[in-house]
PDB file of N, CA and C in Angstrom:
ATOM      1  N   MET A   1     -54.883 -41.124 -34.032  1.00  0.00           N
ATOM      2  CA  MET A   1     -54.791 -40.287 -35.189  1.00  0.00           C
ATOM      3  C   MET A   1     -54.685 -41.188 -36.418  1.00  0.00           C
ATOM      4  N   ILE A   2     -55.540 -40.958 -37.363  1.00  0.00           N
ATOM      5  CA  ILE A   2     -55.455 -41.677 -38.631  1.00  0.00           C
ATOM      6  C   ILE A   2     -54.319 -41.066 -39.430  1.00  0.00           C
ATOM      7  N   ILE A   3     -53.505 -41.913 -40.015  1.00  0.00           N
ATOM      8  CA  ILE A   3     -52.372 -41.450 -40.813  1.00  0.00           C
ATOM      9  C   ILE A   3     -52.783 -41.531 -42.280  1.00  0.00           C
ATOM     10  N   GLU A   4     -52.844 -40.386 -42.904  1.00  0.00           N
ATOM     11  CA  GLU A   4     -53.270 -40.294 -44.297  1.00  0.00           C
ATOM     12  C   GLU A   4     -52.080 -40.450 -45.234  1.00  0.00           C
ATOM     13  N   ASN A   5     -52.375 -40.748 -46.479  1.00  0.00           N
ATOM     14  CA  ASN A   5     -51.373 -40.778 -47.557  1.00  0.00           C
ATOM     15  C   ASN A   5     -50.199 -41.704 -47.273  1.00  0.00           C
ATOM     16  N   THR A   6     -50.489 -42.878 -46.745  1.00  0.00           N
ATOM     17  CA  THR A   6     -49.424 -43.847 -46.468  1.00  0.00           C
ATOM     18  C   THR A   6     -49.048 -44.646 -47.697  1.00  0.00           C
ATOM     19  N   GLY A   7     -49.944 -44.665 -48.674  1.00  0.00           N
ATOM     20  CA  GLY A   7     -49.729 -45.505 -49.841  1.00  0.00           C
ATOM     21  C   GLY A   7     -50.079 -46.958 -49.579  1.00  0.00           C
ATOM     22  N   LEU A   8     -50.570 -47.263 -48.377  1.00  0.00           N
ATOM     23  CA  LEU A   8     -50.914 -48.640 -48.027  1.00  0.00           C
ATOM     24  C   LEU A   8     -52.391 -48.954 -48.224  1.00  0.00           C
ATOM     25  N   ASN A   9     -53.245 -47.964 -48.085  1.00  0.00           N
ATOM     26  CA  ASN A   9     -54.683 -48.208 -48.178  1.00  0.00           C
ATOM     27  C   ASN A   9     -55.022 -48.855 -49.516  1.00  0.00           C
ATOM     28  N   GLY A  10     -55.679 -50.016 -49.433  1.00  0.00           N
ATOM     29  CA  GLY A  10     -56.097 -50.717 -50.635  1.00  0.00           C
ATOM     30  C   GLY A  10     -55.108 -51.736 -51.160  1.00  0.00           C
ATOM     31  N   ILE A  11     -53.874 -51.725 -50.672  1.00  0.00           N
ATOM     32  CA  ILE A  11     -52.904 -52.732 -51.115  1.00  0.00           C
ATOM     33  C   ILE A  11     -53.395 -54.098 -50.679  1.00  0.00           C
ATOM     34  N   LYS A  12     -53.312 -55.066 -51.584  1.00  0.00           N
ATOM     35  CA  LYS A  12     -53.757 -56.429 -51.299  1.00  0.00           C
ATOM     36  C   LYS A  12     -52.558 -57.357 -51.214  1.00  0.00           C
ATOM     37  N   SER A  13     -52.666 -58.323 -50.311  1.00  0.00           N
ATOM     38  CA  SER A  13     -51.598 -59.298 -50.118  1.00  0.00           C
ATOM     39  C   SER A  13     -52.198 -60.572 -49.559  1.00  0.00           C
ATOM     40  N   ASP A  14     -51.563 -61.699 -49.880  1.00  0.00           N
ATOM     41  CA  ASP A  14     -52.011 -62.924 -49.234  1.00  0.00           C
ATOM     42  C   ASP A  14     -51.547 -62.893 -47.777  1.00  0.00           C
ATOM     43  N   LEU A  15     -52.257 -63.608 -46.938  1.00  0.00           N
ATOM     44  CA  LEU A  15     -52.007 -63.579 -45.501  1.00  0.00           C
ATOM     45  C   LEU A  15     -50.573 -63.961 -45.157  1.00  0.00           C
ATOM     46  N   ALA A  16     -50.043 -65.000 -45.788  1.00  0.00           N
ATOM     47  CA  ALA A  16     -48.690 -65.457 -45.469  1.00  0.00           C
ATOM     48  C   ALA A  16     -47.655 -64.369 -45.750  1.00  0.00           C
ATOM     49  N   THR A  17     -47.769 -63.710 -46.885  1.00  0.00           N
ATOM     50  CA  THR A  17     -46.830 -62.636 -47.241  1.00  0.00           C
ATOM     51  C   THR A  17     -46.986 -61.446 -46.308  1.00  0.00           C
ATOM     52  N   LEU A  18     -48.222 -61.073 -46.023  1.00  0.00           N
ATOM     53  CA  LEU A  18     -48.467 -59.944 -45.130  1.00  0.00           C
ATOM     54  C   LEU A  18     -47.931 -60.222 -43.732  1.00  0.00           C
ATOM     55  N   ASP A  19     -48.193 -61.413 -43.211  1.00  0.00           N
ATOM     56  CA  ASP A  19     -47.666 -61.782 -41.887  1.00  0.00           C
ATOM     57  C   ASP A  19     -46.141 -61.728 -41.858  1.00  0.00           C
ATOM     58  N   GLU A  20     -45.504 -62.292 -42.873  1.00  0.00           N
ATOM     59  CA  GLU A  20     -44.039 -62.325 -42.920  1.00  0.00           C
ATOM     60  C   GLU A  20     -43.460 -60.916 -43.030  1.00  0.00           C
ATOM     61  N   SER A  21     -44.027 -60.103 -43.915  1.00  0.00           N
ATOM     62  CA  SER A  21     -43.530 -58.732 -44.108  1.00  0.00           C
ATOM     63  C   SER A  21     -43.724 -57.892 -42.853  1.00  0.00           C
ATOM     64  N   ALA A  22     -44.898 -57.989 -42.253  1.00  0.00           N
ATOM     65  CA  ALA A  22     -45.190 -57.218 -41.045  1.00  0.00           C
ATOM     66  C   ALA A  22     -44.279 -57.653 -39.897  1.00  0.00           C
ATOM     67  N   GLU A  23     -44.086 -58.954 -39.758  1.00  0.00           N
ATOM     68  CA  GLU A  23     -43.244 -59.470 -38.675  1.00  0.00           C
ATOM     69  C   GLU A  23     -41.799 -59.005 -38.820  1.00  0.00           C
ATOM     70  N   ARG A  24     -41.290 -58.922 -40.038  1.00  0.00           N
ATOM     71  CA  ARG A  24     -39.920 -58.454 -40.268  1.00  0.00           C
ATOM     72  C   ARG A  24     -39.710 -57.042 -39.745  1.00  0.00           C
ATOM     73  N   LEU A  25     -40.806 -56.258 -39.721  1.00  0.00           N
ATOM     74  CA  LEU A  25     -40.729 -54.869 -39.273  1.00  0.00           C
ATOM     75  C   LEU A  25     -41.143 -54.692 -37.818  1.00  0.00           C
ATOM     76  N   GLY A  26     -41.502 -55.799 -37.151  1.00  0.00           N
ATOM     77  CA  GLY A  26     -41.853 -55.728 -35.740  1.00  0.00           C
ATOM     78  C   GLY A  26     -43.340 -55.687 -35.446  1.00  0.00           C
ATOM     79  N   PHE A  27     -44.178 -55.748 -36.479  1.00  0.00           N
ATOM     80  CA  PHE A  27     -45.626 -55.776 -36.273  1.00  0.00           C
ATOM     81  C   PHE A  27     -46.062 -57.157 -35.798  1.00  0.00           C
ATOM     82  N   VAL A  28     -47.120 -57.177 -35.015  1.00  0.00           N
ATOM     83  CA  VAL A  28     -47.707 -58.419 -34.538  1.00  0.00           C
ATOM     84  C   VAL A  28     -49.187 -58.413 -34.903  1.00  0.00           C
ATOM     85  N   ARG A  29     -49.668 -59.550 -35.398  1.00  0.00           N
ATOM     86  CA  ARG A  29     -51.113 -59.663 -35.681  1.00  0.00           C
ATOM     87  C   ARG A  29     -51.792 -60.088 -34.388  1.00  0.00           C
ATOM     88  N   TRP A  30     -52.327 -59.099 -33.643  1.00  0.00           N
ATOM     89  CA  TRP A  30     -52.949 -59.373 -32.358  1.00  0.00           C
ATOM     90  C   TRP A  30     -54.394 -59.769 -32.505  1.00  0.00           C
ATOM     91  N   GLN A  31     -55.207 -58.900 -33.036  1.00  0.00           N
ATOM     92  CA  GLN A  31     -56.630 -59.167 -33.157  1.00  0.00           C
ATOM     93  C   GLN A  31     -56.917 -59.731 -34.534  1.00  0.00           C
ATOM     94  N   TRP A  32     -57.670 -60.796 -34.569  1.00  0.00           N
ATOM     95  CA  TRP A  32     -58.099 -61.304 -35.859  1.00  0.00           C
ATOM     96  C   TRP A  32     -59.314 -62.197 -35.687  1.00  0.00           C
ATOM     97  N   GLU A  33     -60.044 -62.305 -36.747  1.00  0.00           N
ATOM     98  CA  GLU A  33     -61.173 -63.210 -36.831  1.00  0.00           C
ATOM     99  C   GLU A  33     -61.189 -63.700 -38.268  1.00  0.00           C
ATOM    100  N   TYR A  34     -62.253 -64.316 -38.708  1.00  0.00           N
ATOM    101  CA  TYR A  34     -62.263 -64.926 -40.032  1.00  0.00           C
ATOM    102  C   TYR A  34     -62.053 -63.962 -41.187  1.00  0.00           C
ATOM    103  N   TYR A  35     -62.538 -62.729 -41.048  1.00  0.00           N
ATOM    104  CA  TYR A  35     -62.507 -61.824 -42.192  1.00  0.00           C
ATOM    105  C   TYR A  35     -61.731 -60.533 -41.981  1.00  0.00           C
ATOM    106  N   ARG A  36     -61.161 -60.319 -40.814  1.00  0.00           N
ATOM    107  CA  ARG A  36     -60.380 -59.093 -40.612  1.00  0.00           C
ATOM    108  C   ARG A  36     -59.267 -59.352 -39.596  1.00  0.00           C
ATOM    109  N   ALA A  37     -58.240 -58.511 -39.681  1.00  0.00           N
ATOM    110  CA  ALA A  37     -57.105 -58.621 -38.764  1.00  0.00           C
ATOM    111  C   ALA A  37     -56.527 -57.236 -38.509  1.00  0.00           C
ATOM    112  N   THR A  38     -55.931 -57.087 -37.333  1.00  0.00           N
ATOM    113  CA  THR A  38     -55.280 -55.840 -36.953  1.00  0.00           C
ATOM    114  C   THR A  38     -53.830 -56.149 -36.598  1.00  0.00           C
ATOM    115  N   TYR A  39     -52.927 -55.366 -37.147  1.00  0.00           N
ATOM    116  CA  TYR A  39     -51.498 -55.511 -36.883  1.00  0.00           C
ATOM    117  C   TYR A  39     -51.035 -54.317 -36.054  1.00  0.00           C
ATOM    118  N   ASP A  40     -50.218 -54.580 -35.035  1.00  0.00           N
ATOM    119  CA  ASP A  40     -49.719 -53.535 -34.137  1.00  0.00           C
ATOM    120  C   ASP A  40     -48.205 -53.530 -34.091  1.00  0.00           C
ATOM    121  N   LEU A  41     -47.645 -52.340 -33.961  1.00  0.00           N
ATOM    122  CA  LEU A  41     -46.217 -52.152 -33.738  1.00  0.00           C
ATOM    123  C   LEU A  41     -46.055 -51.224 -32.546  1.00  0.00           C
ATOM    124  N   LYS A  42     -45.395 -51.706 -31.512  1.00  0.00           N
ATOM    125  CA  LYS A  42     -45.162 -50.887 -30.317  1.00  0.00           C
ATOM    126  C   LYS A  42     -43.908 -50.036 -30.531  1.00  0.00           C
ATOM    127  N   LEU A  43     -44.057 -48.740 -30.282  1.00  0.00           N
ATOM    128  CA  LEU A  43     -42.945 -47.795 -30.391  1.00  0.00           C
ATOM    129  C   LEU A  43     -42.766 -47.120 -29.045  1.00  0.00           C
ATOM    130  N   GLU A  44     -41.542 -47.128 -28.544  1.00  0.00           N
ATOM    131  CA  GLU A  44     -41.253 -46.555 -27.229  1.00  0.00           C
ATOM    132  C   GLU A  44     -40.565 -45.210 -27.373  1.00  0.00           C
ATOM    133  N   ASP A  45     -41.074 -44.230 -26.651  1.00  0.00           N
ATOM    134  CA  ASP A  45     -40.451 -42.908 -26.574  1.00  0.00           C
ATOM    135  C   ASP A  45     -39.784 -42.821 -25.206  1.00  0.00           C
ATOM    136  N   ARG A  46     -38.505 -43.120 -25.161  1.00  0.00           N
ATOM    137  CA  ARG A  46     -37.787 -43.153 -23.876  1.00  0.00           C
ATOM    138  C   ARG A  46     -37.666 -41.772 -23.244  1.00  0.00           C
ATOM    139  N   ALA A  47     -37.608 -40.739 -24.061  1.00  0.00           N
ATOM    140  CA  ALA A  47     -37.486 -39.376 -23.529  1.00  0.00           C
ATOM    141  C   ALA A  47     -38.713 -39.000 -22.701  1.00  0.00           C
ATOM    142  N   ASN A  48     -39.889 -39.375 -23.183  1.00  0.00           N
ATOM    143  CA  ASN A  48     -41.132 -39.035 -22.481  1.00  0.00           C
ATOM    144  C   ASN A  48     -41.695 -40.201 -21.680  1.00  0.00           C
ATOM    145  N   LYS A  49     -40.994 -41.322 -21.719  1.00  0.00           N
ATOM    146  CA  LYS A  49     -41.454 -42.541 -21.033  1.00  0.00           C
ATOM    147  C   LYS A  49     -42.890 -42.886 -21.419  1.00  0.00           C
ATOM    148  N   SER A  50     -43.143 -42.880 -22.731  1.00  0.00           N
ATOM    149  CA  SER A  50     -44.467 -43.191 -23.255  1.00  0.00           C
ATOM    150  C   SER A  50     -44.351 -44.246 -24.347  1.00  0.00           C
ATOM    151  N   ASP A  51     -45.409 -45.014 -24.503  1.00  0.00           N
ATOM    152  CA  ASP A  51     -45.483 -46.012 -25.560  1.00  0.00           C
ATOM    153  C   ASP A  51     -46.569 -45.607 -26.544  1.00  0.00           C
ATOM    154  N   TYR A  52     -46.332 -45.903 -27.812  1.00  0.00           N
ATOM    155  CA  TYR A  52     -47.279 -45.622 -28.876  1.00  0.00           C
ATOM    156  C   TYR A  52     -47.458 -46.901 -29.682  1.00  0.00           C
ATOM    157  N   PHE A  53     -48.635 -47.060 -30.249  1.00  0.00           N
ATOM    158  CA  PHE A  53     -48.898 -48.220 -31.086  1.00  0.00           C
ATOM    159  C   PHE A  53     -49.308 -47.755 -32.471  1.00  0.00           C
ATOM    160  N   LEU A  54     -48.516 -48.194 -33.455  1.00  0.00           N
ATOM    161  CA  LEU A  54     -48.851 -47.991 -34.857  1.00  0.00           C
ATOM    162  C   LEU A  54     -49.688 -49.198 -35.254  1.00  0.00           C
ATOM    163  N   ARG A  55     -50.836 -48.950 -35.837  1.00  0.00           N
ATOM    164  CA  ARG A  55     -51.786 -50.031 -36.102  1.00  0.00           C
ATOM    165  C   ARG A  55     -52.348 -49.895 -37.514  1.00  0.00           C
ATOM    166  N   PHE A  56     -52.527 -51.046 -38.163  1.00  0.00           N
ATOM    167  CA  PHE A  56     -53.272 -51.020 -39.420  1.00  0.00           C
ATOM    168  C   PHE A  56     -54.266 -52.169 -39.457  1.00  0.00           C
ATOM    169  N   ASN A  57     -55.409 -51.879 -40.072  1.00  0.00           N
ATOM    170  CA  ASN A  57     -56.484 -52.852 -40.201  1.00  0.00           C
ATOM    171  C   ASN A  57     -56.456 -53.473 -41.580  1.00  0.00           C
ATOM    172  N   THR A  58     -56.871 -54.728 -41.646  1.00  0.00           N
ATOM    173  CA  THR A  58     -57.005 -55.416 -42.927  1.00  0.00           C
ATOM    174  C   THR A  58     -58.360 -56.115 -42.968  1.00  0.00           C
ATOM    175  N   ARG A  59     -58.808 -56.384 -44.164  1.00  0.00           N
ATOM    176  CA  ARG A  59     -60.059 -57.116 -44.350  1.00  0.00           C
ATOM    177  C   ARG A  59     -59.844 -58.140 -45.463  1.00  0.00           C
ATOM    178  N   ALA A  60     -60.329 -59.366 -45.242  1.00  0.00           N
ATOM    179  CA  ALA A  60     -60.216 -60.417 -46.249  1.00  0.00           C
ATOM    180  C   ALA A  60     -61.125 -60.084 -47.430  1.00  0.00           C
ATOM    181  N   VAL A  61     -60.557 -60.103 -48.625  1.00  0.00           N
ATOM    182  CA  VAL A  61     -61.339 -59.890 -49.833  1.00  0.00           C
ATOM    183  C   VAL A  61     -61.494 -61.193 -50.610  1.00  0.00           C
ATOM    184  N   GLU A  62     -60.672 -62.194 -50.260  1.00  0.00           N
ATOM    185  CA  GLU A  62     -60.780 -63.538 -50.824  1.00  0.00           C
ATOM    186  C   GLU A  62     -60.408 -64.533 -49.730  1.00  0.00           C
ATOM    187  N   GLY A  63     -61.267 -65.484 -49.450  1.00  0.00           N
ATOM    188  CA  GLY A  63     -60.981 -66.520 -48.463  1.00  0.00           C
ATOM    189  C   GLY A  63     -61.170 -66.033 -47.032  1.00  0.00           C
ATOM    190  N   LYS A  64     -60.721 -66.883 -46.103  1.00  0.00           N
ATOM    191  CA  LYS A  64     -60.790 -66.583 -44.674  1.00  0.00           C
ATOM    192  C   LYS A  64     -59.390 -66.622 -44.090  1.00  0.00           C
ATOM    193  N   LEU A  65     -59.209 -65.957 -42.960  1.00  0.00           N
ATOM    194  CA  LEU A  65     -57.890 -65.858 -42.363  1.00  0.00           C
ATOM    195  C   LEU A  65     -57.324 -67.183 -41.867  1.00  0.00           C
ATOM    196  N   GLU A  66     -58.095 -68.219 -41.841  1.00  0.00           N
ATOM    197  CA  GLU A  66     -57.547 -69.510 -41.436  1.00  0.00           C
ATOM    198  C   GLU A  66     -56.674 -70.104 -42.539  1.00  0.00           C
ATOM    199  N   SER A  67     -56.672 -69.486 -43.712  1.00  0.00           N
ATOM    200  CA  SER A  67     -55.860 -69.948 -44.832  1.00  0.00           C
ATOM    201  C   SER A  67     -54.742 -68.957 -45.128  1.00  0.00           C
ATOM    202  N   PRO A  68     -53.489 -69.455 -45.302  1.00  0.00           N
ATOM    203  CA  PRO A  68     -52.397 -68.538 -45.649  1.00  0.00           C
ATOM    204  C   PRO A  68     -52.560 -67.936 -47.040  1.00  0.00           C
ATOM    205  N   TYR A  69     -53.488 -68.489 -47.832  1.00  0.00           N
ATOM    206  CA  TYR A  69     -53.726 -67.995 -49.186  1.00  0.00           C
ATOM    207  C   TYR A  69     -54.835 -66.946 -49.246  1.00  0.00           C
ATOM    208  N   ALA A  70     -55.462 -66.674 -48.122  1.00  0.00           N
ATOM    209  CA  ALA A  70     -56.485 -65.634 -48.089  1.00  0.00           C
ATOM    210  C   ALA A  70     -55.860 -64.312 -48.528  1.00  0.00           C
ATOM    211  N   VAL A  71     -56.609 -63.524 -49.266  1.00  0.00           N
ATOM    212  CA  VAL A  71     -56.121 -62.224 -49.731  1.00  0.00           C
ATOM    213  C   VAL A  71     -56.749 -61.148 -48.860  1.00  0.00           C
ATOM    214  N   LEU A  72     -55.891 -60.297 -48.296  1.00  0.00           N
ATOM    215  CA  LEU A  72     -56.342 -59.217 -47.428  1.00  0.00           C
ATOM    216  C   LEU A  72     -56.046 -57.873 -48.078  1.00  0.00           C
ATOM    217  N   ALA A  73     -56.910 -56.916 -47.838  1.00  0.00           N
ATOM    218  CA  ALA A  73     -56.699 -55.539 -48.286  1.00  0.00           C
ATOM    219  C   ALA A  73     -56.443 -54.685 -47.051  1.00  0.00           C
ATOM    220  N   ILE A  74     -55.427 -53.853 -47.121  1.00  0.00           N
ATOM    221  CA  ILE A  74     -55.116 -52.950 -46.012  1.00  0.00           C
ATOM    222  C   ILE A  74     -56.111 -51.798 -46.033  1.00  0.00           C
ATOM    223  N   GLU A  75     -56.619 -51.483 -44.843  1.00  0.00           N
ATOM    224  CA  GLU A  75     -57.571 -50.388 -44.706  1.00  0.00           C
ATOM    225  C   GLU A  75     -56.895 -49.234 -43.971  1.00  0.00           C
ATOM    226  N   SER A  76     -57.411 -48.828 -42.854  1.00  0.00           N
ATOM    227  CA  SER A  76     -56.900 -47.667 -42.120  1.00  0.00           C
ATOM    228  C   SER A  76     -55.562 -47.935 -41.451  1.00  0.00           C
ATOM    229  N   VAL A  77     -54.745 -46.876 -41.399  1.00  0.00           N
ATOM    230  CA  VAL A  77     -53.479 -46.893 -40.664  1.00  0.00           C
ATOM    231  C   VAL A  77     -53.582 -45.774 -39.631  1.00  0.00           C
ATOM    232  N   TYR A  78     -53.310 -46.088 -38.376  1.00  0.00           N
ATOM    233  CA  TYR A  78     -53.435 -45.073 -37.338  1.00  0.00           C
ATOM    234  C   TYR A  78     -52.470 -45.335 -36.193  1.00  0.00           C
ATOM    235  N   ILE A  79     -52.315 -44.320 -35.327  1.00  0.00           N
ATOM    236  CA  ILE A  79     -51.391 -44.394 -34.200  1.00  0.00           C
ATOM    237  C   ILE A  79     -52.061 -43.790 -32.969  1.00  0.00           C
ATOM    238  N   GLY A  80     -51.747 -44.373 -31.830  1.00  0.00           N
ATOM    239  CA  GLY A  80     -52.283 -43.868 -30.579  1.00  0.00           C
ATOM    240  C   GLY A  80     -51.284 -44.042 -29.454  1.00  0.00           C
ATOM    241  N   LYS A  81     -51.448 -43.232 -28.421  1.00  0.00           N
ATOM    242  CA  LYS A  81     -50.602 -43.302 -27.231  1.00  0.00           C
ATOM    243  C   LYS A  81     -51.216 -44.309 -26.260  1.00  0.00           C
ATOM    244  N   ALA A  82     -50.390 -45.214 -25.750  1.00  0.00           N
ATOM    245  CA  ALA A  82     -50.867 -46.209 -24.796  1.00  0.00           C
ATOM    246  C   ALA A  82     -51.275 -45.530 -23.496  1.00  0.00           C
ATOM    247  N   THR A  83     -52.395 -45.983 -22.937  1.00  0.00           N
ATOM    248  CA  THR A  83     -52.876 -45.457 -21.665  1.00  0.00           C
ATOM    249  C   THR A  83     -52.971 -46.598 -20.660  1.00  0.00           C
ATOM    250  N   PHE A  84     -52.859 -46.274 -19.405  1.00  0.00           N
ATOM    251  CA  PHE A  84     -52.903 -47.274 -18.332  1.00  0.00           C
ATOM    252  C   PHE A  84     -54.343 -47.464 -17.883  1.00  0.00           C
ATOM    253  N   PRO A  85     -54.823 -48.639 -17.625  1.00  0.00           N
ATOM    254  CA  PRO A  85     -54.122 -49.921 -17.681  1.00  0.00           C
ATOM    255  C   PRO A  85     -54.101 -50.514 -19.078  1.00  0.00           C
ATOM    256  N   HIS A  86     -55.012 -50.144 -19.905  1.00  0.00           N
ATOM    257  CA  HIS A  86     -54.964 -50.584 -21.301  1.00  0.00           C
ATOM    258  C   HIS A  86     -55.829 -49.645 -22.128  1.00  0.00           C
ATOM    259  N   GLY A  87     -55.472 -49.536 -23.366  1.00  0.00           N
ATOM    260  CA  GLY A  87     -56.212 -48.657 -24.263  1.00  0.00           C
ATOM    261  C   GLY A  87     -55.277 -47.736 -25.020  1.00  0.00           C
ATOM    262  N   LEU A  88     -55.822 -47.036 -25.978  1.00  0.00           N
ATOM    263  CA  LEU A  88     -55.050 -46.111 -26.789  1.00  0.00           C
ATOM    264  C   LEU A  88     -55.768 -44.777 -26.864  1.00  0.00           C
ATOM    265  N   ASP A  89     -54.998 -43.704 -26.740  1.00  0.00           N
ATOM    266  CA  ASP A  89     -55.506 -42.344 -26.874  1.00  0.00           C
ATOM    267  C   ASP A  89     -55.129 -41.869 -28.274  1.00  0.00           C
ATOM    268  N   TYR A  90     -56.127 -41.720 -29.124  1.00  0.00           N
ATOM    269  CA  TYR A  90     -55.883 -41.320 -30.510  1.00  0.00           C
ATOM    270  C   TYR A  90     -55.857 -39.811 -30.699  1.00  0.00           C
ATOM    271  N   GLU A  91     -56.092 -39.061 -29.646  1.00  0.00           N
ATOM    272  CA  GLU A  91     -56.142 -37.602 -29.740  1.00  0.00           C
ATOM    273  C   GLU A  91     -54.840 -36.932 -29.314  1.00  0.00           C
ATOM    274  N   SER A  92     -53.966 -37.635 -28.590  1.00  0.00           N
ATOM    275  CA  SER A  92     -52.712 -37.053 -28.099  1.00  0.00           C
ATOM    276  C   SER A  92     -51.779 -36.703 -29.247  1.00  0.00           C
ATOM    277  N   ALA A  93     -50.988 -35.662 -29.028  1.00  0.00           N
ATOM    278  CA  ALA A  93     -49.950 -35.304 -29.994  1.00  0.00           C
ATOM    279  C   ALA A  93     -48.881 -36.400 -29.993  1.00  0.00           C
ATOM    280  N   ILE A  94     -48.349 -36.683 -31.157  1.00  0.00           N
ATOM    281  CA  ILE A  94     -47.321 -37.712 -31.300  1.00  0.00           C
ATOM    282  C   ILE A  94     -45.985 -37.004 -31.543  1.00  0.00           C
ATOM    283  N   PRO A  95     -44.945 -37.334 -30.756  1.00  0.00           N
ATOM    284  CA  PRO A  95     -43.631 -36.698 -30.938  1.00  0.00           C
ATOM    285  C   PRO A  95     -43.078 -36.928 -32.355  1.00  0.00           C
ATOM    286  N   GLN A  96     -42.350 -35.949 -32.848  1.00  0.00           N
ATOM    287  CA  GLN A  96     -41.802 -36.037 -34.200  1.00  0.00           C
ATOM    288  C   GLN A  96     -40.860 -37.221 -34.357  1.00  0.00           C
ATOM    289  N   THR A  97     -40.105 -37.563 -33.326  1.00  0.00           N
ATOM    290  CA  THR A  97     -39.193 -38.715 -33.429  1.00  0.00           C
ATOM    291  C   THR A  97     -39.982 -40.007 -33.687  1.00  0.00           C
ATOM    292  N   ILE A  98     -41.130 -40.142 -33.038  1.00  0.00           N
ATOM    293  CA  ILE A  98     -41.983 -41.312 -33.258  1.00  0.00           C
ATOM    294  C   ILE A  98     -42.552 -41.276 -34.670  1.00  0.00           C
ATOM    295  N   MET A  99     -43.007 -40.118 -35.112  1.00  0.00           N
ATOM    296  CA  MET A  99     -43.576 -39.997 -36.459  1.00  0.00           C
ATOM    297  C   MET A  99     -42.538 -40.279 -37.542  1.00  0.00           C
ATOM    298  N   ASN A 100     -41.276 -39.932 -37.284  1.00  0.00           N
ATOM    299  CA  ASN A 100     -40.213 -40.257 -38.237  1.00  0.00           C
ATOM    300  C   ASN A 100     -40.058 -41.773 -38.363  1.00  0.00           C
ATOM    301  N   THR A 101     -40.094 -42.467 -37.233  1.00  0.00           N
ATOM    302  CA  THR A 101     -40.015 -43.927 -37.237  1.00  0.00           C
ATOM    303  C   THR A 101     -41.228 -44.519 -37.943  1.00  0.00           C
ATOM    304  N   VAL A 102     -42.404 -43.962 -37.676  1.00  0.00           N
ATOM    305  CA  VAL A 102     -43.640 -44.419 -38.307  1.00  0.00           C
ATOM    306  C   VAL A 102     -43.521 -44.319 -39.828  1.00  0.00           C
ATOM    307  N   ALA A 103     -43.083 -43.176 -40.327  1.00  0.00           N
ATOM    308  CA  ALA A 103     -42.965 -42.967 -41.774  1.00  0.00           C
ATOM    309  C   ALA A 103     -42.015 -43.990 -42.385  1.00  0.00           C
ATOM    310  N   LYS A 104     -40.907 -44.250 -41.700  1.00  0.00           N
ATOM    311  CA  LYS A 104     -39.925 -45.216 -42.201  1.00  0.00           C
ATOM    312  C   LYS A 104     -40.510 -46.622 -42.241  1.00  0.00           C
ATOM    313  N   ARG A 105     -41.152 -47.046 -41.173  1.00  0.00           N
ATOM    314  CA  ARG A 105     -41.714 -48.403 -41.112  1.00  0.00           C
ATOM    315  C   ARG A 105     -42.827 -48.594 -42.136  1.00  0.00           C
ATOM    316  N   LEU A 106     -43.677 -47.590 -42.305  1.00  0.00           N
ATOM    317  CA  LEU A 106     -44.760 -47.710 -43.276  1.00  0.00           C
ATOM    318  C   LEU A 106     -44.218 -47.780 -44.695  1.00  0.00           C
ATOM    319  N   GLN A 107     -43.174 -47.017 -44.986  1.00  0.00           N
ATOM    320  CA  GLN A 107     -42.561 -47.083 -46.313  1.00  0.00           C
ATOM    321  C   GLN A 107     -41.929 -48.455 -46.539  1.00  0.00           C
ATOM    322  N   GLU A 108     -41.266 -48.993 -45.519  1.00  0.00           N
ATOM    323  CA  GLU A 108     -40.665 -50.318 -45.636  1.00  0.00           C
ATOM    324  C   GLU A 108     -41.741 -51.377 -45.867  1.00  0.00           C
ATOM    325  N   LEU A 109     -42.854 -51.284 -45.156  1.00  0.00           N
ATOM    326  CA  LEU A 109     -43.946 -52.234 -45.346  1.00  0.00           C
ATOM    327  C   LEU A 109     -44.486 -52.135 -46.750  1.00  0.00           C
ATOM    328  N   ARG A 110     -44.699 -50.930 -47.210  1.00  0.00           N
ATOM    329  CA  ARG A 110     -45.187 -50.728 -48.579  1.00  0.00           C
ATOM    330  C   ARG A 110     -44.222 -51.344 -49.595  1.00  0.00           C
ATOM    331  N   ASP A 111     -42.916 -51.121 -49.397  1.00  0.00           N
ATOM    332  CA  ASP A 111     -41.907 -51.666 -50.304  1.00  0.00           C
ATOM    333  C   ASP A 111     -41.938 -53.197 -50.317  1.00  0.00           C
ATOM    334  N   PHE A 112     -42.149 -53.819 -49.172  1.00  0.00           N
ATOM    335  CA  PHE A 112     -42.233 -55.281 -49.101  1.00  0.00           C
ATOM    336  C   PHE A 112     -43.440 -55.813 -49.870  1.00  0.00           C
ATOM    337  N   LEU A 113     -44.535 -55.057 -49.855  1.00  0.00           N
ATOM    338  CA  LEU A 113     -45.791 -55.567 -50.402  1.00  0.00           C
ATOM    339  C   LEU A 113     -46.029 -55.269 -51.870  1.00  0.00           C
ATOM    340  N   ILE A 114     -45.280 -54.312 -52.436  1.00  0.00           N
ATOM    341  CA  ILE A 114     -45.481 -54.046 -53.872  1.00  0.00           C
ATOM    342  C   ILE A 114     -44.260 -54.404 -54.687  1.00  0.00           C
TER     343      ILE A 114
END
């Protein structure tokens, strides 16, 4: 599910600041190449014994990701339910407790970056 109105779309940050801010909130930069990167945050729903991943994409607008000074713009923010053995289901309903955590983390990330 794409999460609209996060206030993050289009925010620009240098790679070093984005990595540090995201890491403080538990995000990990898993996928990356020279011009784009994806950050993931694993959220566990113990009541339903399910895992969800909050993910946001970035694209380099200045430089390449091999430089901490590269400037990245945040693009889409979305969440999916983890499926076995690997993958994400973007169509499943997301529990409100998870969405509350998502809203808090996204606001904290936004606050760090602006």
